[in-house]
N, C-alpha and C. Protein backbone atom coordinates (compact mmCIF):
# COMPACT_ATOMS: atom_id res chain seq x y z
N MET A 1 13.60 15.77 -2.50
CA MET A 1 12.28 16.23 -2.95
C MET A 1 11.48 16.74 -1.76
N ASP A 2 10.90 17.91 -1.90
CA ASP A 2 10.08 18.50 -0.85
C ASP A 2 8.61 18.25 -1.18
N TYR A 3 8.04 17.21 -0.59
CA TYR A 3 6.65 16.86 -0.87
C TYR A 3 5.70 17.72 -0.04
N GLN A 4 4.77 18.38 -0.72
CA GLN A 4 3.79 19.24 -0.07
C GLN A 4 2.42 18.58 -0.16
N LEU A 5 1.85 18.24 0.98
CA LEU A 5 0.54 17.61 1.04
C LEU A 5 -0.53 18.67 1.21
N ASP A 6 -1.46 18.72 0.26
CA ASP A 6 -2.56 19.68 0.31
C ASP A 6 -3.67 19.11 1.18
N LEU A 7 -3.58 19.37 2.49
CA LEU A 7 -4.50 18.76 3.44
C LEU A 7 -4.75 19.70 4.61
N ASP A 8 -6.02 19.90 4.93
CA ASP A 8 -6.40 20.62 6.14
C ASP A 8 -6.39 19.62 7.29
N TRP A 9 -5.31 19.61 8.04
CA TRP A 9 -5.13 18.58 9.06
C TRP A 9 -6.22 18.63 10.14
N ARG A 10 -6.62 19.82 10.54
CA ARG A 10 -7.65 19.91 11.59
C ARG A 10 -8.95 19.28 11.11
N ASP A 11 -9.35 19.61 9.89
CA ASP A 11 -10.57 19.03 9.34
C ASP A 11 -10.42 17.52 9.15
N PHE A 12 -9.26 17.10 8.67
CA PHE A 12 -9.01 15.68 8.44
C PHE A 12 -9.10 14.88 9.74
N LEU A 13 -8.47 15.38 10.79
CA LEU A 13 -8.48 14.66 12.06
C LEU A 13 -9.87 14.61 12.68
N GLN A 14 -10.64 15.66 12.48
CA GLN A 14 -11.99 15.69 13.05
C GLN A 14 -12.97 14.82 12.28
N ARG A 15 -12.85 14.79 10.96
CA ARG A 15 -13.86 14.12 10.13
C ARG A 15 -13.50 12.70 9.73
N TYR A 16 -12.20 12.41 9.57
CA TYR A 16 -11.83 11.14 8.96
C TYR A 16 -10.94 10.24 9.82
N TRP A 17 -9.99 10.83 10.54
CA TRP A 17 -8.98 10.04 11.23
C TRP A 17 -9.61 9.01 12.16
N GLN A 18 -9.35 7.74 11.89
CA GLN A 18 -9.87 6.60 12.65
C GLN A 18 -11.40 6.57 12.69
N LYS A 19 -12.02 7.18 11.68
CA LYS A 19 -13.48 7.18 11.60
C LYS A 19 -14.00 6.55 10.31
N ARG A 20 -13.46 6.98 9.16
CA ARG A 20 -13.96 6.47 7.89
C ARG A 20 -12.89 6.65 6.81
N PRO A 21 -12.93 5.84 5.76
CA PRO A 21 -11.95 5.96 4.68
C PRO A 21 -12.24 7.17 3.82
N VAL A 22 -11.22 7.69 3.18
CA VAL A 22 -11.40 8.87 2.32
C VAL A 22 -10.35 8.83 1.21
N ILE A 23 -10.72 9.36 0.05
CA ILE A 23 -9.80 9.54 -1.06
C ILE A 23 -9.68 11.03 -1.33
N LEU A 24 -8.45 11.54 -1.39
CA LEU A 24 -8.19 12.95 -1.64
C LEU A 24 -7.43 13.08 -2.95
N LYS A 25 -8.11 13.53 -3.98
CA LYS A 25 -7.47 13.67 -5.28
C LYS A 25 -6.57 14.91 -5.30
N ARG A 26 -5.48 14.79 -6.03
CA ARG A 26 -4.48 15.86 -6.13
C ARG A 26 -3.96 16.25 -4.75
N GLY A 27 -3.78 15.24 -3.89
CA GLY A 27 -3.25 15.50 -2.56
C GLY A 27 -1.82 16.03 -2.60
N PHE A 28 -1.05 15.57 -3.58
CA PHE A 28 0.30 16.07 -3.80
C PHE A 28 0.36 16.71 -5.18
N LYS A 29 0.87 17.92 -5.25
CA LYS A 29 1.01 18.60 -6.53
C LYS A 29 2.35 18.21 -7.16
N ASN A 30 2.30 17.94 -8.47
CA ASN A 30 3.51 17.60 -9.23
C ASN A 30 4.27 16.45 -8.57
N PHE A 31 3.52 15.40 -8.21
CA PHE A 31 4.13 14.28 -7.50
C PHE A 31 5.11 13.52 -8.39
N ILE A 32 6.26 13.21 -7.81
CA ILE A 32 7.29 12.41 -8.49
C ILE A 32 7.63 11.23 -7.59
N ASP A 33 7.64 10.03 -8.16
CA ASP A 33 8.01 8.86 -7.37
C ASP A 33 9.42 9.03 -6.80
N PRO A 34 9.61 8.78 -5.52
CA PRO A 34 10.95 8.93 -4.94
C PRO A 34 11.90 7.81 -5.32
N ILE A 35 11.36 6.70 -5.83
CA ILE A 35 12.18 5.54 -6.16
C ILE A 35 11.62 4.89 -7.42
N SER A 36 12.49 4.41 -8.28
CA SER A 36 12.05 3.76 -9.51
C SER A 36 11.77 2.28 -9.25
N PRO A 37 11.00 1.63 -10.13
CA PRO A 37 10.79 0.19 -9.97
C PRO A 37 12.09 -0.61 -9.94
N ASP A 38 13.07 -0.21 -10.75
CA ASP A 38 14.35 -0.92 -10.76
C ASP A 38 15.08 -0.77 -9.42
N GLU A 39 15.03 0.44 -8.85
CA GLU A 39 15.67 0.66 -7.55
C GLU A 39 14.97 -0.15 -6.46
N LEU A 40 13.64 -0.20 -6.52
CA LEU A 40 12.88 -0.97 -5.54
C LEU A 40 13.23 -2.45 -5.65
N ALA A 41 13.30 -2.95 -6.88
CA ALA A 41 13.67 -4.35 -7.09
C ALA A 41 15.08 -4.62 -6.58
N GLY A 42 15.98 -3.63 -6.74
CA GLY A 42 17.34 -3.79 -6.23
C GLY A 42 17.38 -3.87 -4.72
N LEU A 43 16.57 -3.05 -4.05
CA LEU A 43 16.51 -3.12 -2.58
C LEU A 43 16.08 -4.51 -2.12
N ALA A 44 15.13 -5.09 -2.84
CA ALA A 44 14.61 -6.40 -2.46
C ALA A 44 15.62 -7.52 -2.67
N MET A 45 16.77 -7.21 -3.27
CA MET A 45 17.84 -8.20 -3.42
C MET A 45 18.82 -8.17 -2.26
N GLU A 46 18.63 -7.22 -1.33
CA GLU A 46 19.54 -7.08 -0.20
C GLU A 46 19.07 -7.95 0.98
N ASN A 47 20.03 -8.58 1.65
CA ASN A 47 19.70 -9.47 2.77
C ASN A 47 18.99 -8.76 3.91
N GLU A 48 19.34 -7.51 4.17
CA GLU A 48 18.82 -6.81 5.33
C GLU A 48 17.41 -6.27 5.13
N VAL A 49 16.93 -6.26 3.89
CA VAL A 49 15.65 -5.62 3.57
C VAL A 49 14.52 -6.65 3.58
N ASP A 50 13.43 -6.30 4.24
CA ASP A 50 12.25 -7.17 4.33
C ASP A 50 11.39 -6.98 3.08
N SER A 51 11.26 -8.02 2.28
CA SER A 51 10.52 -7.90 1.02
C SER A 51 9.80 -9.21 0.72
N ARG A 52 8.80 -9.12 -0.13
CA ARG A 52 8.09 -10.33 -0.56
C ARG A 52 7.45 -10.09 -1.91
N VAL A 53 7.21 -11.16 -2.62
CA VAL A 53 6.46 -11.15 -3.87
C VAL A 53 5.21 -11.99 -3.67
N VAL A 54 4.07 -11.40 -3.96
CA VAL A 54 2.78 -12.09 -3.86
C VAL A 54 2.24 -12.26 -5.27
N SER A 55 1.91 -13.49 -5.65
CA SER A 55 1.40 -13.75 -6.99
C SER A 55 0.12 -14.57 -6.92
N HIS A 56 -0.64 -14.47 -7.98
CA HIS A 56 -1.93 -15.17 -8.05
C HIS A 56 -2.08 -15.71 -9.46
N GLN A 57 -1.89 -17.01 -9.61
CA GLN A 57 -1.94 -17.64 -10.92
C GLN A 57 -2.82 -18.89 -10.86
N ASP A 58 -3.71 -19.01 -11.82
CA ASP A 58 -4.56 -20.21 -11.93
C ASP A 58 -5.31 -20.51 -10.64
N GLY A 59 -5.78 -19.44 -9.98
CA GLY A 59 -6.56 -19.61 -8.76
C GLY A 59 -5.76 -19.91 -7.51
N ARG A 60 -4.44 -19.89 -7.61
CA ARG A 60 -3.58 -20.21 -6.46
C ARG A 60 -2.74 -18.99 -6.09
N TRP A 61 -2.70 -18.69 -4.78
CA TRP A 61 -1.87 -17.62 -4.26
C TRP A 61 -0.52 -18.18 -3.84
N GLN A 62 0.54 -17.42 -4.14
CA GLN A 62 1.89 -17.80 -3.74
C GLN A 62 2.58 -16.59 -3.11
N VAL A 63 3.41 -16.84 -2.12
CA VAL A 63 4.19 -15.79 -1.46
C VAL A 63 5.64 -16.24 -1.41
N ALA A 64 6.55 -15.39 -1.88
CA ALA A 64 7.98 -15.65 -1.81
C ALA A 64 8.65 -14.49 -1.07
N HIS A 65 9.59 -14.81 -0.19
CA HIS A 65 10.26 -13.79 0.61
C HIS A 65 11.67 -13.55 0.08
N GLY A 66 12.10 -12.28 0.12
CA GLY A 66 13.43 -11.92 -0.33
C GLY A 66 14.50 -12.36 0.67
N PRO A 67 15.77 -12.19 0.32
CA PRO A 67 16.22 -11.45 -0.86
C PRO A 67 16.05 -12.25 -2.16
N PHE A 68 15.82 -11.50 -3.24
CA PHE A 68 15.59 -12.12 -4.54
C PHE A 68 16.82 -11.99 -5.42
N GLU A 69 17.01 -12.94 -6.29
CA GLU A 69 18.11 -12.91 -7.23
C GLU A 69 17.65 -12.50 -8.62
N SER A 70 16.39 -12.78 -8.95
CA SER A 70 15.87 -12.48 -10.28
C SER A 70 14.34 -12.40 -10.22
N TYR A 71 13.78 -11.68 -11.20
CA TYR A 71 12.33 -11.57 -11.31
C TYR A 71 11.84 -12.07 -12.68
N ASP A 72 12.76 -12.64 -13.44
CA ASP A 72 12.44 -13.02 -14.82
C ASP A 72 11.34 -14.07 -14.92
N HIS A 73 11.21 -14.89 -13.90
CA HIS A 73 10.25 -16.00 -13.96
C HIS A 73 8.82 -15.56 -13.64
N LEU A 74 8.62 -14.32 -13.24
CA LEU A 74 7.31 -13.90 -12.74
C LEU A 74 6.30 -13.57 -13.83
N GLY A 75 6.75 -13.28 -15.02
CA GLY A 75 5.82 -12.96 -16.09
C GLY A 75 5.33 -11.52 -16.04
N GLU A 76 4.29 -11.22 -16.80
CA GLU A 76 3.84 -9.84 -16.96
C GLU A 76 2.50 -9.56 -16.30
N ASN A 77 1.95 -10.52 -15.57
CA ASN A 77 0.63 -10.33 -14.96
C ASN A 77 0.57 -10.98 -13.58
N ASN A 78 -0.29 -10.40 -12.73
CA ASN A 78 -0.76 -11.03 -11.48
C ASN A 78 0.30 -11.23 -10.40
N TRP A 79 1.20 -10.25 -10.24
CA TRP A 79 2.11 -10.32 -9.11
C TRP A 79 2.45 -8.92 -8.61
N SER A 80 2.86 -8.87 -7.35
CA SER A 80 3.25 -7.61 -6.70
C SER A 80 4.52 -7.82 -5.89
N LEU A 81 5.39 -6.84 -5.93
CA LEU A 81 6.58 -6.80 -5.07
C LEU A 81 6.33 -5.77 -3.97
N LEU A 82 6.49 -6.17 -2.72
CA LEU A 82 6.29 -5.28 -1.58
C LEU A 82 7.57 -5.21 -0.76
N VAL A 83 8.01 -3.99 -0.47
CA VAL A 83 9.24 -3.78 0.28
C VAL A 83 8.94 -2.92 1.51
N GLN A 84 9.27 -3.45 2.68
CA GLN A 84 8.98 -2.76 3.94
C GLN A 84 10.09 -1.76 4.29
N ALA A 85 9.73 -0.76 5.08
CA ALA A 85 10.69 0.18 5.68
C ALA A 85 11.64 0.78 4.65
N VAL A 86 11.10 1.14 3.50
CA VAL A 86 11.93 1.73 2.45
C VAL A 86 12.56 3.03 2.94
N ASP A 87 11.86 3.75 3.82
CA ASP A 87 12.40 5.01 4.35
C ASP A 87 13.69 4.79 5.14
N HIS A 88 13.94 3.57 5.63
CA HIS A 88 15.16 3.28 6.37
C HIS A 88 16.35 3.03 5.45
N TRP A 89 16.08 2.68 4.20
CA TRP A 89 17.14 2.25 3.29
C TRP A 89 17.34 3.19 2.10
N HIS A 90 16.39 4.06 1.84
CA HIS A 90 16.44 4.91 0.65
C HIS A 90 16.06 6.33 1.07
N GLU A 91 17.06 7.18 1.19
CA GLU A 91 16.85 8.52 1.75
C GLU A 91 15.81 9.34 1.00
N PRO A 92 15.81 9.39 -0.34
CA PRO A 92 14.77 10.17 -1.03
C PRO A 92 13.36 9.71 -0.69
N SER A 93 13.18 8.40 -0.47
CA SER A 93 11.85 7.90 -0.12
C SER A 93 11.43 8.36 1.28
N GLY A 94 12.41 8.54 2.15
CA GLY A 94 12.11 9.00 3.50
C GLY A 94 11.43 10.35 3.52
N ALA A 95 11.63 11.14 2.45
CA ALA A 95 10.99 12.46 2.38
C ALA A 95 9.47 12.36 2.33
N LEU A 96 8.95 11.21 1.91
CA LEU A 96 7.49 11.04 1.87
C LEU A 96 6.88 10.99 3.27
N MET A 97 7.68 10.73 4.27
CA MET A 97 7.16 10.66 5.63
C MET A 97 6.93 12.05 6.23
N ARG A 98 7.67 13.04 5.76
CA ARG A 98 7.65 14.36 6.40
C ARG A 98 6.28 15.02 6.39
N PRO A 99 5.50 14.97 5.30
CA PRO A 99 4.20 15.64 5.32
C PRO A 99 3.23 15.08 6.37
N PHE A 100 3.54 13.92 6.93
CA PHE A 100 2.64 13.29 7.89
C PHE A 100 3.11 13.47 9.33
N ARG A 101 4.09 14.34 9.55
CA ARG A 101 4.62 14.56 10.89
C ARG A 101 3.69 15.38 11.77
N GLN A 102 2.51 15.71 11.25
CA GLN A 102 1.49 16.29 12.12
C GLN A 102 1.04 15.27 13.16
N LEU A 103 1.25 14.01 12.86
CA LEU A 103 0.95 12.94 13.81
C LEU A 103 2.16 12.71 14.71
N PRO A 104 1.95 12.27 15.94
CA PRO A 104 3.09 12.01 16.84
C PRO A 104 4.01 10.93 16.27
N ASP A 105 5.29 11.05 16.55
CA ASP A 105 6.27 10.09 16.04
C ASP A 105 5.94 8.66 16.45
N TRP A 106 5.39 8.48 17.66
CA TRP A 106 5.13 7.12 18.12
C TRP A 106 4.04 6.44 17.31
N ARG A 107 3.27 7.22 16.55
CA ARG A 107 2.23 6.63 15.71
C ARG A 107 2.75 6.24 14.32
N MET A 108 3.91 6.71 13.97
CA MET A 108 4.44 6.44 12.64
C MET A 108 5.31 5.19 12.66
N ASP A 109 5.01 4.26 11.75
CA ASP A 109 5.76 3.01 11.70
C ASP A 109 6.78 3.03 10.57
N ASP A 110 6.33 2.82 9.35
CA ASP A 110 7.29 2.78 8.26
C ASP A 110 6.61 3.11 6.94
N LEU A 111 7.44 3.18 5.90
CA LEU A 111 6.98 3.42 4.54
C LEU A 111 7.17 2.13 3.74
N MET A 112 6.07 1.52 3.33
CA MET A 112 6.13 0.36 2.45
C MET A 112 5.85 0.82 1.03
N ILE A 113 6.64 0.37 0.09
CA ILE A 113 6.41 0.70 -1.32
C ILE A 113 6.22 -0.60 -2.08
N SER A 114 5.21 -0.62 -2.93
CA SER A 114 4.93 -1.81 -3.72
C SER A 114 4.95 -1.48 -5.20
N PHE A 115 5.27 -2.48 -5.98
CA PHE A 115 5.23 -2.40 -7.44
C PHE A 115 4.38 -3.57 -7.92
N SER A 116 3.44 -3.30 -8.81
CA SER A 116 2.57 -4.36 -9.32
C SER A 116 2.47 -4.30 -10.83
N VAL A 117 2.35 -5.46 -11.43
CA VAL A 117 2.02 -5.56 -12.85
C VAL A 117 0.50 -5.69 -12.95
N PRO A 118 -0.09 -5.62 -14.15
CA PRO A 118 -1.55 -5.75 -14.27
C PRO A 118 -2.07 -7.01 -13.58
N GLY A 119 -3.13 -6.83 -12.79
CA GLY A 119 -3.72 -7.95 -12.06
C GLY A 119 -3.07 -8.23 -10.73
N GLY A 120 -1.98 -7.50 -10.41
CA GLY A 120 -1.27 -7.74 -9.16
C GLY A 120 -2.03 -7.20 -7.96
N GLY A 121 -1.81 -7.81 -6.80
CA GLY A 121 -2.44 -7.40 -5.56
C GLY A 121 -2.27 -8.50 -4.53
N VAL A 122 -2.69 -8.24 -3.31
CA VAL A 122 -2.57 -9.25 -2.25
C VAL A 122 -3.93 -9.69 -1.73
N GLY A 123 -5.01 -9.21 -2.34
CA GLY A 123 -6.35 -9.61 -1.93
C GLY A 123 -6.83 -8.82 -0.73
N PRO A 124 -8.12 -8.90 -0.41
CA PRO A 124 -8.67 -8.17 0.74
C PRO A 124 -8.15 -8.75 2.05
N HIS A 125 -7.66 -7.87 2.93
CA HIS A 125 -7.09 -8.35 4.18
C HIS A 125 -7.15 -7.27 5.25
N LEU A 126 -6.88 -7.65 6.49
CA LEU A 126 -6.86 -6.73 7.62
C LEU A 126 -5.43 -6.41 8.02
N ASP A 127 -5.20 -5.13 8.36
CA ASP A 127 -3.92 -4.68 8.91
C ASP A 127 -4.11 -4.22 10.34
N GLN A 128 -3.04 -4.25 11.12
CA GLN A 128 -3.06 -3.69 12.47
C GLN A 128 -2.57 -2.24 12.42
N TYR A 129 -2.95 -1.52 11.38
CA TYR A 129 -2.47 -0.17 11.17
C TYR A 129 -3.57 0.71 10.59
N ASP A 130 -3.41 2.02 10.79
CA ASP A 130 -4.07 2.98 9.91
C ASP A 130 -3.10 3.16 8.75
N VAL A 131 -3.60 3.17 7.53
CA VAL A 131 -2.70 3.24 6.38
C VAL A 131 -3.01 4.46 5.52
N PHE A 132 -1.97 5.23 5.23
CA PHE A 132 -2.04 6.30 4.25
C PHE A 132 -1.47 5.74 2.95
N ILE A 133 -2.23 5.81 1.89
CA ILE A 133 -1.82 5.23 0.61
C ILE A 133 -1.62 6.36 -0.39
N ILE A 134 -0.46 6.37 -1.04
CA ILE A 134 -0.14 7.37 -2.05
C ILE A 134 0.08 6.65 -3.36
N GLN A 135 -0.72 6.96 -4.36
CA GLN A 135 -0.58 6.32 -5.66
C GLN A 135 0.56 6.96 -6.43
N GLY A 136 1.49 6.14 -6.90
CA GLY A 136 2.60 6.63 -7.70
C GLY A 136 2.34 6.41 -9.18
N THR A 137 3.37 6.01 -9.90
CA THR A 137 3.26 5.78 -11.34
C THR A 137 2.21 4.72 -11.64
N GLY A 138 1.45 4.94 -12.70
CA GLY A 138 0.44 3.96 -13.10
C GLY A 138 -0.91 4.23 -12.48
N ARG A 139 -1.78 3.24 -12.53
CA ARG A 139 -3.14 3.36 -12.00
C ARG A 139 -3.47 2.10 -11.22
N ARG A 140 -4.34 2.27 -10.22
CA ARG A 140 -4.73 1.10 -9.44
C ARG A 140 -6.15 1.28 -8.93
N ARG A 141 -6.89 0.20 -8.99
CA ARG A 141 -8.27 0.21 -8.50
C ARG A 141 -8.28 -0.02 -6.99
N TRP A 142 -9.01 0.83 -6.29
CA TRP A 142 -9.10 0.75 -4.83
C TRP A 142 -10.54 0.54 -4.43
N ARG A 143 -10.81 -0.56 -3.76
CA ARG A 143 -12.16 -0.89 -3.31
C ARG A 143 -12.16 -1.02 -1.79
N VAL A 144 -13.10 -0.33 -1.16
CA VAL A 144 -13.19 -0.34 0.29
C VAL A 144 -14.50 -0.98 0.70
N GLY A 145 -14.44 -1.90 1.64
CA GLY A 145 -15.64 -2.60 2.09
C GLY A 145 -16.25 -1.98 3.33
N GLU A 146 -17.48 -2.36 3.59
CA GLU A 146 -18.19 -1.90 4.78
C GLU A 146 -17.53 -2.46 6.03
N LYS A 147 -17.66 -1.73 7.14
CA LYS A 147 -17.09 -2.17 8.41
C LYS A 147 -18.04 -3.16 9.06
N VAL A 148 -17.89 -4.42 8.70
CA VAL A 148 -18.75 -5.49 9.20
C VAL A 148 -17.87 -6.66 9.61
N PRO A 149 -18.38 -7.58 10.43
CA PRO A 149 -17.60 -8.77 10.78
C PRO A 149 -17.23 -9.57 9.53
N MET A 150 -15.99 -10.00 9.46
CA MET A 150 -15.51 -10.74 8.31
C MET A 150 -14.79 -12.00 8.75
N LYS A 151 -14.92 -13.02 7.95
CA LYS A 151 -14.23 -14.28 8.19
C LYS A 151 -12.85 -14.21 7.56
N GLN A 152 -11.82 -14.59 8.32
CA GLN A 152 -10.46 -14.61 7.80
C GLN A 152 -10.09 -16.03 7.36
N HIS A 153 -9.34 -16.12 6.29
CA HIS A 153 -8.89 -17.42 5.80
C HIS A 153 -7.50 -17.27 5.21
N CYS A 154 -6.80 -18.38 5.06
CA CYS A 154 -5.42 -18.39 4.58
C CYS A 154 -5.33 -19.12 3.24
N PRO A 155 -5.34 -18.39 2.12
CA PRO A 155 -5.14 -19.06 0.84
C PRO A 155 -3.71 -19.52 0.65
N HIS A 156 -2.82 -19.03 1.54
CA HIS A 156 -1.41 -19.42 1.57
C HIS A 156 -0.95 -19.25 3.02
N PRO A 157 -0.03 -20.08 3.52
CA PRO A 157 0.40 -19.96 4.92
C PRO A 157 0.90 -18.58 5.31
N ASP A 158 1.40 -17.80 4.35
CA ASP A 158 1.92 -16.47 4.63
C ASP A 158 0.98 -15.36 4.16
N LEU A 159 -0.28 -15.69 3.95
CA LEU A 159 -1.22 -14.70 3.43
C LEU A 159 -2.57 -14.89 4.11
N LEU A 160 -3.03 -13.84 4.77
CA LEU A 160 -4.32 -13.88 5.47
C LEU A 160 -5.28 -12.92 4.79
N GLN A 161 -6.41 -13.43 4.31
CA GLN A 161 -7.40 -12.62 3.62
C GLN A 161 -8.73 -12.68 4.36
N VAL A 162 -9.68 -11.82 3.92
CA VAL A 162 -10.99 -11.77 4.57
C VAL A 162 -12.09 -11.95 3.54
N GLU A 163 -13.25 -12.38 4.03
CA GLU A 163 -14.46 -12.48 3.25
C GLU A 163 -15.66 -12.41 4.20
N PRO A 164 -16.85 -12.02 3.75
CA PRO A 164 -17.17 -11.56 2.40
C PRO A 164 -16.65 -10.14 2.16
N PHE A 165 -16.66 -9.70 0.91
CA PHE A 165 -16.18 -8.36 0.59
C PHE A 165 -17.15 -7.68 -0.36
N ASP A 166 -17.82 -6.64 0.14
CA ASP A 166 -18.73 -5.83 -0.66
C ASP A 166 -18.25 -4.39 -0.61
N ALA A 167 -17.91 -3.83 -1.77
CA ALA A 167 -17.30 -2.50 -1.82
C ALA A 167 -18.32 -1.39 -1.59
N ILE A 168 -17.93 -0.40 -0.76
CA ILE A 168 -18.70 0.83 -0.61
C ILE A 168 -17.98 1.99 -1.29
N ILE A 169 -16.69 1.81 -1.60
CA ILE A 169 -15.91 2.74 -2.42
C ILE A 169 -15.23 1.92 -3.49
N ASP A 170 -15.31 2.37 -4.73
CA ASP A 170 -14.68 1.67 -5.86
C ASP A 170 -14.09 2.74 -6.76
N GLU A 171 -12.77 2.92 -6.70
CA GLU A 171 -12.13 4.05 -7.37
C GLU A 171 -10.84 3.60 -8.04
N GLU A 172 -10.60 4.10 -9.24
CA GLU A 172 -9.32 3.85 -9.89
C GLU A 172 -8.40 5.02 -9.56
N MET A 173 -7.34 4.72 -8.83
CA MET A 173 -6.44 5.77 -8.36
C MET A 173 -5.40 6.10 -9.40
N GLU A 174 -5.11 7.40 -9.53
CA GLU A 174 -4.10 7.91 -10.44
C GLU A 174 -2.96 8.51 -9.63
N PRO A 175 -1.82 8.82 -10.27
CA PRO A 175 -0.69 9.38 -9.53
C PRO A 175 -1.08 10.61 -8.71
N ALA A 176 -0.51 10.68 -7.49
CA ALA A 176 -0.68 11.79 -6.54
C ALA A 176 -1.97 11.73 -5.77
N ILE A 177 -2.84 10.74 -6.02
CA ILE A 177 -4.04 10.59 -5.21
C ILE A 177 -3.64 10.02 -3.84
N PHE A 178 -4.21 10.60 -2.81
CA PHE A 178 -3.90 10.23 -1.43
C PHE A 178 -5.15 9.66 -0.78
N SER A 179 -4.99 8.59 -0.04
CA SER A 179 -6.16 7.98 0.61
C SER A 179 -5.77 7.43 1.97
N ILE A 180 -6.78 7.26 2.82
CA ILE A 180 -6.58 6.61 4.10
C ILE A 180 -7.67 5.57 4.27
N SER A 181 -7.30 4.41 4.78
CA SER A 181 -8.26 3.31 4.92
C SER A 181 -8.34 2.86 6.37
N ARG A 182 -9.59 2.57 6.81
CA ARG A 182 -9.79 1.94 8.10
C ARG A 182 -10.71 0.74 7.98
N ARG A 183 -11.12 0.40 6.77
CA ARG A 183 -12.06 -0.70 6.59
C ARG A 183 -11.47 -1.73 5.63
N ALA A 184 -12.24 -2.76 5.39
CA ALA A 184 -11.76 -3.81 4.48
C ALA A 184 -11.58 -3.23 3.09
N SER A 185 -10.44 -3.45 2.49
CA SER A 185 -10.21 -2.91 1.15
C SER A 185 -9.44 -3.90 0.30
N ARG A 186 -9.51 -3.65 -0.98
CA ARG A 186 -8.81 -4.49 -1.94
C ARG A 186 -8.31 -3.60 -3.06
N MET A 187 -7.05 -3.80 -3.45
CA MET A 187 -6.49 -3.01 -4.53
C MET A 187 -5.93 -3.96 -5.58
N ARG A 188 -6.13 -3.60 -6.83
CA ARG A 188 -5.60 -4.40 -7.92
C ARG A 188 -5.09 -3.48 -9.02
N ALA A 189 -3.91 -3.79 -9.54
CA ALA A 189 -3.32 -2.96 -10.58
C ALA A 189 -4.06 -3.15 -11.90
N THR A 190 -4.31 -2.02 -12.59
CA THR A 190 -4.89 -2.09 -13.92
C THR A 190 -3.82 -1.92 -14.99
N ARG A 191 -2.67 -1.42 -14.61
CA ARG A 191 -1.46 -1.47 -15.42
C ARG A 191 -0.31 -1.35 -14.42
N TRP A 192 0.92 -1.54 -14.87
CA TRP A 192 2.00 -1.54 -13.90
C TRP A 192 2.02 -0.23 -13.15
N LYS A 193 2.33 -0.31 -11.86
CA LYS A 193 2.23 0.87 -11.03
C LYS A 193 3.11 0.73 -9.79
N THR A 194 3.38 1.87 -9.15
CA THR A 194 3.99 1.87 -7.83
C THR A 194 3.03 2.52 -6.86
N ARG A 195 3.09 2.09 -5.62
CA ARG A 195 2.22 2.65 -4.59
C ARG A 195 3.00 2.72 -3.29
N SER A 196 2.87 3.84 -2.58
CA SER A 196 3.53 4.01 -1.29
C SER A 196 2.49 3.94 -0.19
N THR A 197 2.79 3.21 0.86
CA THR A 197 1.88 3.07 1.99
C THR A 197 2.61 3.44 3.27
N ILE A 198 2.11 4.46 3.95
CA ILE A 198 2.66 4.86 5.24
C ILE A 198 1.78 4.25 6.31
N ARG A 199 2.38 3.45 7.17
CA ARG A 199 1.61 2.73 8.19
C ARG A 199 1.73 3.46 9.52
N SER A 200 0.59 3.74 10.11
CA SER A 200 0.52 4.41 11.40
C SER A 200 -0.03 3.45 12.43
N VAL A 201 0.62 3.37 13.58
CA VAL A 201 0.21 2.45 14.63
C VAL A 201 -1.22 2.73 15.05
N SER A 202 -2.01 1.67 15.16
CA SER A 202 -3.43 1.80 15.50
C SER A 202 -3.75 0.95 16.71
N ALA A 203 -4.76 1.36 17.44
CA ALA A 203 -5.19 0.59 18.61
C ALA A 203 -6.12 -0.54 18.23
N ARG A 204 -6.54 -0.60 16.98
CA ARG A 204 -7.46 -1.65 16.53
C ARG A 204 -7.14 -1.99 15.09
N PRO A 205 -7.59 -3.13 14.59
CA PRO A 205 -7.23 -3.55 13.24
C PRO A 205 -7.76 -2.61 12.17
N THR A 206 -6.97 -2.45 11.12
CA THR A 206 -7.41 -1.76 9.92
C THR A 206 -7.28 -2.72 8.76
N ALA A 207 -7.80 -2.32 7.61
CA ALA A 207 -7.81 -3.26 6.49
C ALA A 207 -7.24 -2.63 5.25
N GLY A 208 -6.58 -3.45 4.44
CA GLY A 208 -6.03 -2.96 3.19
C GLY A 208 -5.41 -4.09 2.41
N SER A 209 -4.91 -3.75 1.21
CA SER A 209 -4.23 -4.77 0.43
C SER A 209 -3.23 -4.10 -0.48
């Protein structure tokens, strides 16, 4: 698949890059997910692949690390599957990295792809990356917080979140919407969906979920 990103890179780098979050609707024309949910779930069953399932039930956060043998016990709400470095293991997914080669190779880390059922997400948290987020199948709510000091806490030993969280952007993302985040953000699925996140090395913490 030849993904074409409708983006004025000069304007983007001057106005947004490492400055403020932005949502670009219709960033990709005729966007097609490079990998299906079943294929993503299959990757997470491999020993060599870094994957995790984050769930939130009855006020409790849980994190399980792959490889996984089954997903039948997870139910239909409030969980997400996240798979790291999909571009290393799935060639069609690697094509999603090409439109971002305007940035130096040393700034590009990997392609993480997540699948969530309704209510799924990992909560508001900080990343050590600039993140490009591409919405795939389904819809997802994206909330971005103000760049202010935040307290970090661990609702689970493998999960670090931040508070307080007051949104300055609150948007329901549809397929092919492209966004970049540098502030505290939180995403939650409103129906089952896939999302691709390209992580770019940053000199300071970024935030996302």
